[in-house]
Amino acid sequence: MLVGRCVTVHPREPEPSYFTEVHRVWSSKTGRVHAVVISGERDNPLVKVGFEGGTQIVFYRLRDLTVDVEVEVANPPKHGVRGSHLP
């Protein structure tokens, strides 16, 4: 289970082709996983990562993150009337 875990964006060269300036800003920073989006790449899904208490959200591929298994899992705050993590 990844949701609620801390992850760190690890920089690598060459950087992934999907990286934009927004992705680069959070490189080497730690955030918390809010959701996993299953896509065509089952072994490398998109991961919704919240930074600064969840106020900054950026999607990364799982392969570009390091999961911190030592930190206790926390539930991200829920938003909206549906009680989901979506606004």
N, C-alpha and C. Protein backbone atom coordinates (compact mmCIF):
# COMPACT_ATOMS: atom_id res chain seq x y z
N MET A 1 0.84 -1.18 0.00
CA MET A 1 0.00 0.00 0.00
C MET A 1 0.89 1.25 0.00
N LEU A 2 0.68 2.09 -0.98
CA LEU A 2 1.49 3.31 -1.10
C LEU A 2 0.81 4.55 -0.53
N VAL A 3 -0.51 4.60 -0.58
CA VAL A 3 -1.22 5.80 -0.14
C VAL A 3 -0.89 6.08 1.32
N GLY A 4 -0.48 7.33 1.58
CA GLY A 4 -0.11 7.74 2.93
C GLY A 4 1.37 7.64 3.21
N ARG A 5 2.12 6.97 2.37
CA ARG A 5 3.57 6.82 2.58
C ARG A 5 4.32 8.07 2.13
N CYS A 6 5.45 8.31 2.78
CA CYS A 6 6.35 9.38 2.36
C CYS A 6 7.19 8.88 1.20
N VAL A 7 7.39 9.74 0.22
CA VAL A 7 8.24 9.42 -0.92
C VAL A 7 9.14 10.61 -1.21
N THR A 8 10.29 10.31 -1.76
CA THR A 8 11.22 11.35 -2.16
C THR A 8 11.44 11.24 -3.66
N VAL A 9 11.40 12.38 -4.33
CA VAL A 9 11.65 12.43 -5.77
C VAL A 9 13.16 12.38 -5.95
N HIS A 10 13.63 11.35 -6.64
CA HIS A 10 15.08 11.27 -6.82
C HIS A 10 15.45 11.73 -8.23
N PRO A 11 16.36 12.70 -8.28
CA PRO A 11 16.80 13.20 -9.58
C PRO A 11 17.64 12.15 -10.29
N ARG A 12 17.53 12.12 -11.59
CA ARG A 12 18.35 11.19 -12.37
C ARG A 12 18.64 11.81 -13.72
N GLU A 13 19.71 11.38 -14.28
CA GLU A 13 20.12 11.84 -15.60
C GLU A 13 20.15 10.66 -16.55
N PRO A 14 19.59 10.75 -17.70
CA PRO A 14 18.78 11.87 -18.14
C PRO A 14 17.45 11.87 -17.41
N GLU A 15 16.90 13.06 -17.23
CA GLU A 15 15.63 13.14 -16.52
C GLU A 15 14.51 12.59 -17.41
N PRO A 16 13.43 12.11 -16.79
CA PRO A 16 12.32 11.56 -17.57
C PRO A 16 11.75 12.59 -18.55
N SER A 17 11.26 12.13 -19.67
CA SER A 17 10.77 13.04 -20.72
C SER A 17 9.55 13.83 -20.29
N TYR A 18 8.79 13.34 -19.33
CA TYR A 18 7.59 14.06 -18.89
C TYR A 18 7.89 15.19 -17.91
N PHE A 19 9.11 15.28 -17.41
CA PHE A 19 9.45 16.31 -16.42
C PHE A 19 9.28 17.71 -17.01
N THR A 20 8.64 18.56 -16.22
CA THR A 20 8.52 19.98 -16.55
C THR A 20 9.18 20.76 -15.42
N GLU A 21 9.10 22.05 -15.47
CA GLU A 21 9.67 22.88 -14.41
C GLU A 21 9.00 22.57 -13.06
N VAL A 22 7.72 22.27 -13.08
CA VAL A 22 7.01 21.91 -11.83
C VAL A 22 7.62 20.66 -11.21
N HIS A 23 7.93 19.66 -12.02
CA HIS A 23 8.55 18.44 -11.51
C HIS A 23 9.94 18.73 -10.94
N ARG A 24 10.68 19.57 -11.63
CA ARG A 24 12.05 19.89 -11.19
C ARG A 24 12.07 20.62 -9.86
N VAL A 25 11.07 21.47 -9.60
CA VAL A 25 11.01 22.22 -8.34
C VAL A 25 11.02 21.28 -7.14
N TRP A 26 10.35 20.14 -7.28
CA TRP A 26 10.21 19.21 -6.16
C TRP A 26 11.24 18.09 -6.18
N SER A 27 12.19 18.14 -7.10
CA SER A 27 13.24 17.14 -7.17
C SER A 27 14.04 17.15 -5.86
N SER A 28 14.31 15.98 -5.32
CA SER A 28 15.03 15.77 -4.06
C SER A 28 14.20 16.14 -2.83
N LYS A 29 12.93 16.47 -3.00
CA LYS A 29 12.05 16.82 -1.88
C LYS A 29 11.20 15.61 -1.51
N THR A 30 10.70 15.63 -0.29
CA THR A 30 9.85 14.54 0.20
C THR A 30 8.41 15.01 0.30
N GLY A 31 7.50 14.16 -0.15
CA GLY A 31 6.07 14.43 -0.08
C GLY A 31 5.34 13.17 0.37
N ARG A 32 4.02 13.23 0.35
CA ARG A 32 3.20 12.10 0.78
C ARG A 32 2.30 11.66 -0.36
N VAL A 33 2.20 10.35 -0.56
CA VAL A 33 1.37 9.79 -1.63
C VAL A 33 -0.11 9.98 -1.28
N HIS A 34 -0.84 10.60 -2.21
CA HIS A 34 -2.27 10.81 -2.03
C HIS A 34 -3.09 9.78 -2.81
N ALA A 35 -2.56 9.30 -3.93
CA ALA A 35 -3.28 8.32 -4.75
C ALA A 35 -2.33 7.69 -5.75
N VAL A 36 -2.74 6.52 -6.22
CA VAL A 36 -2.01 5.82 -7.28
C VAL A 36 -2.99 5.66 -8.44
N VAL A 37 -2.56 6.10 -9.63
CA VAL A 37 -3.40 6.04 -10.81
C VAL A 37 -2.91 4.90 -11.69
N ILE A 38 -3.72 3.86 -11.77
CA ILE A 38 -3.35 2.73 -12.61
C ILE A 38 -3.50 3.14 -14.07
N SER A 39 -2.45 2.92 -14.82
CA SER A 39 -2.45 3.29 -16.23
C SER A 39 -1.92 2.13 -17.05
N GLY A 40 -1.56 2.38 -18.27
CA GLY A 40 -1.03 1.35 -19.15
C GLY A 40 0.23 0.70 -18.62
N GLU A 41 0.99 1.42 -17.81
CA GLU A 41 2.23 0.89 -17.24
C GLU A 41 1.96 0.38 -15.83
N ARG A 42 1.51 -0.86 -15.70
CA ARG A 42 1.13 -1.40 -14.39
C ARG A 42 2.30 -1.46 -13.41
N ASP A 43 3.50 -1.65 -13.92
CA ASP A 43 4.66 -1.72 -13.03
C ASP A 43 5.25 -0.35 -12.74
N ASN A 44 4.72 0.70 -13.38
CA ASN A 44 5.23 2.05 -13.18
C ASN A 44 4.07 3.05 -13.26
N PRO A 45 3.10 2.95 -12.31
CA PRO A 45 1.92 3.81 -12.37
C PRO A 45 2.23 5.26 -12.04
N LEU A 46 1.28 6.13 -12.36
CA LEU A 46 1.35 7.52 -11.94
C LEU A 46 1.02 7.58 -10.45
N VAL A 47 1.75 8.41 -9.74
CA VAL A 47 1.54 8.56 -8.31
C VAL A 47 1.28 10.04 -8.03
N LYS A 48 0.17 10.31 -7.36
CA LYS A 48 -0.19 11.68 -6.98
C LYS A 48 0.50 11.98 -5.65
N VAL A 49 1.44 12.93 -5.68
CA VAL A 49 2.24 13.24 -4.50
C VAL A 49 1.91 14.65 -4.03
N GLY A 50 1.63 14.77 -2.73
CA GLY A 50 1.35 16.07 -2.13
C GLY A 50 2.57 16.58 -1.38
N PHE A 51 2.88 17.84 -1.60
CA PHE A 51 3.97 18.51 -0.91
C PHE A 51 3.38 19.67 -0.10
N GLU A 52 4.14 20.15 0.88
CA GLU A 52 3.71 21.27 1.72
C GLU A 52 2.32 21.02 2.30
N GLY A 53 2.18 19.87 2.97
CA GLY A 53 0.92 19.55 3.62
C GLY A 53 -0.21 19.25 2.65
N GLY A 54 0.13 18.89 1.43
CA GLY A 54 -0.89 18.56 0.43
C GLY A 54 -1.39 19.74 -0.36
N THR A 55 -0.81 20.91 -0.14
CA THR A 55 -1.27 22.10 -0.89
C THR A 55 -0.67 22.15 -2.29
N GLN A 56 0.42 21.44 -2.51
CA GLN A 56 1.04 21.36 -3.83
C GLN A 56 0.99 19.90 -4.28
N ILE A 57 0.33 19.62 -5.39
CA ILE A 57 0.16 18.27 -5.89
C ILE A 57 0.90 18.13 -7.22
N VAL A 58 1.68 17.07 -7.34
CA VAL A 58 2.41 16.79 -8.58
C VAL A 58 2.33 15.29 -8.84
N PHE A 59 2.15 14.91 -10.10
CA PHE A 59 2.12 13.50 -10.48
C PHE A 59 3.50 13.07 -10.96
N TYR A 60 3.95 11.94 -10.46
CA TYR A 60 5.22 11.34 -10.86
C TYR A 60 4.98 9.88 -11.21
N ARG A 61 5.89 9.31 -11.95
CA ARG A 61 5.89 7.87 -12.16
C ARG A 61 6.56 7.23 -10.93
N LEU A 62 6.06 6.08 -10.55
CA LEU A 62 6.58 5.38 -9.37
C LEU A 62 8.09 5.17 -9.46
N ARG A 63 8.59 4.90 -10.64
CA ARG A 63 10.01 4.64 -10.84
C ARG A 63 10.88 5.86 -10.47
N ASP A 64 10.29 7.04 -10.44
CA ASP A 64 11.04 8.26 -10.14
C ASP A 64 10.97 8.65 -8.67
N LEU A 65 10.42 7.76 -7.84
CA LEU A 65 10.26 8.03 -6.42
C LEU A 65 10.95 6.96 -5.59
N THR A 66 11.40 7.36 -4.41
CA THR A 66 11.90 6.43 -3.42
C THR A 66 10.90 6.41 -2.28
N VAL A 67 10.38 5.23 -1.95
CA VAL A 67 9.38 5.09 -0.90
C VAL A 67 10.09 4.91 0.43
N ASP A 68 9.71 5.73 1.41
CA ASP A 68 10.29 5.64 2.74
C ASP A 68 9.45 4.65 3.55
N VAL A 69 9.96 3.46 3.74
CA VAL A 69 9.22 2.42 4.46
C VAL A 69 9.38 2.53 5.97
N GLU A 70 10.27 3.39 6.42
CA GLU A 70 10.51 3.55 7.86
C GLU A 70 9.50 4.47 8.53
N VAL A 71 8.85 5.34 7.74
CA VAL A 71 7.91 6.32 8.30
C VAL A 71 6.54 5.70 8.37
N GLU A 72 5.84 5.94 9.48
CA GLU A 72 4.49 5.41 9.66
C GLU A 72 3.54 5.96 8.61
N VAL A 73 2.64 5.12 8.12
CA VAL A 73 1.67 5.53 7.11
C VAL A 73 0.67 6.48 7.75
N ALA A 74 0.38 7.59 7.06
CA ALA A 74 -0.60 8.56 7.53
C ALA A 74 -1.65 8.73 6.45
N ASN A 75 -2.86 8.98 6.86
CA ASN A 75 -3.93 9.22 5.89
C ASN A 75 -3.93 10.68 5.50
N PRO A 76 -3.86 10.97 4.18
CA PRO A 76 -3.92 12.37 3.75
C PRO A 76 -5.31 12.93 4.04
N PRO A 77 -5.41 14.24 4.27
CA PRO A 77 -6.73 14.82 4.55
C PRO A 77 -7.66 14.67 3.35
N LYS A 78 -8.93 14.46 3.65
CA LYS A 78 -9.92 14.32 2.58
C LYS A 78 -10.58 15.67 2.32
N HIS A 79 -10.96 15.87 1.06
CA HIS A 79 -11.54 17.15 0.65
C HIS A 79 -12.87 16.91 -0.02
N GLY A 80 -13.68 17.92 -0.13
CA GLY A 80 -14.92 17.84 -0.91
C GLY A 80 -16.03 17.11 -0.20
N VAL A 81 -17.21 17.22 -0.77
CA VAL A 81 -18.40 16.62 -0.16
C VAL A 81 -18.42 15.10 -0.32
N ARG A 82 -17.70 14.58 -1.27
CA ARG A 82 -17.68 13.13 -1.46
C ARG A 82 -16.75 12.45 -0.47
N GLY A 83 -15.97 13.23 0.26
CA GLY A 83 -15.04 12.64 1.21
C GLY A 83 -13.87 11.96 0.55
N SER A 84 -13.59 12.35 -0.69
CA SER A 84 -12.45 11.76 -1.38
C SER A 84 -11.26 12.68 -1.26
N HIS A 85 -10.18 12.31 -1.91
CA HIS A 85 -8.99 13.17 -1.93
C HIS A 85 -9.07 14.18 -3.06
N LEU A 86 -10.14 14.12 -3.83
CA LEU A 86 -10.32 15.05 -4.95
C LEU A 86 -11.07 16.29 -4.47
N PRO A 87 -10.83 17.44 -5.09
CA PRO A 87 -11.54 18.66 -4.67
C PRO A 87 -13.02 18.58 -4.99
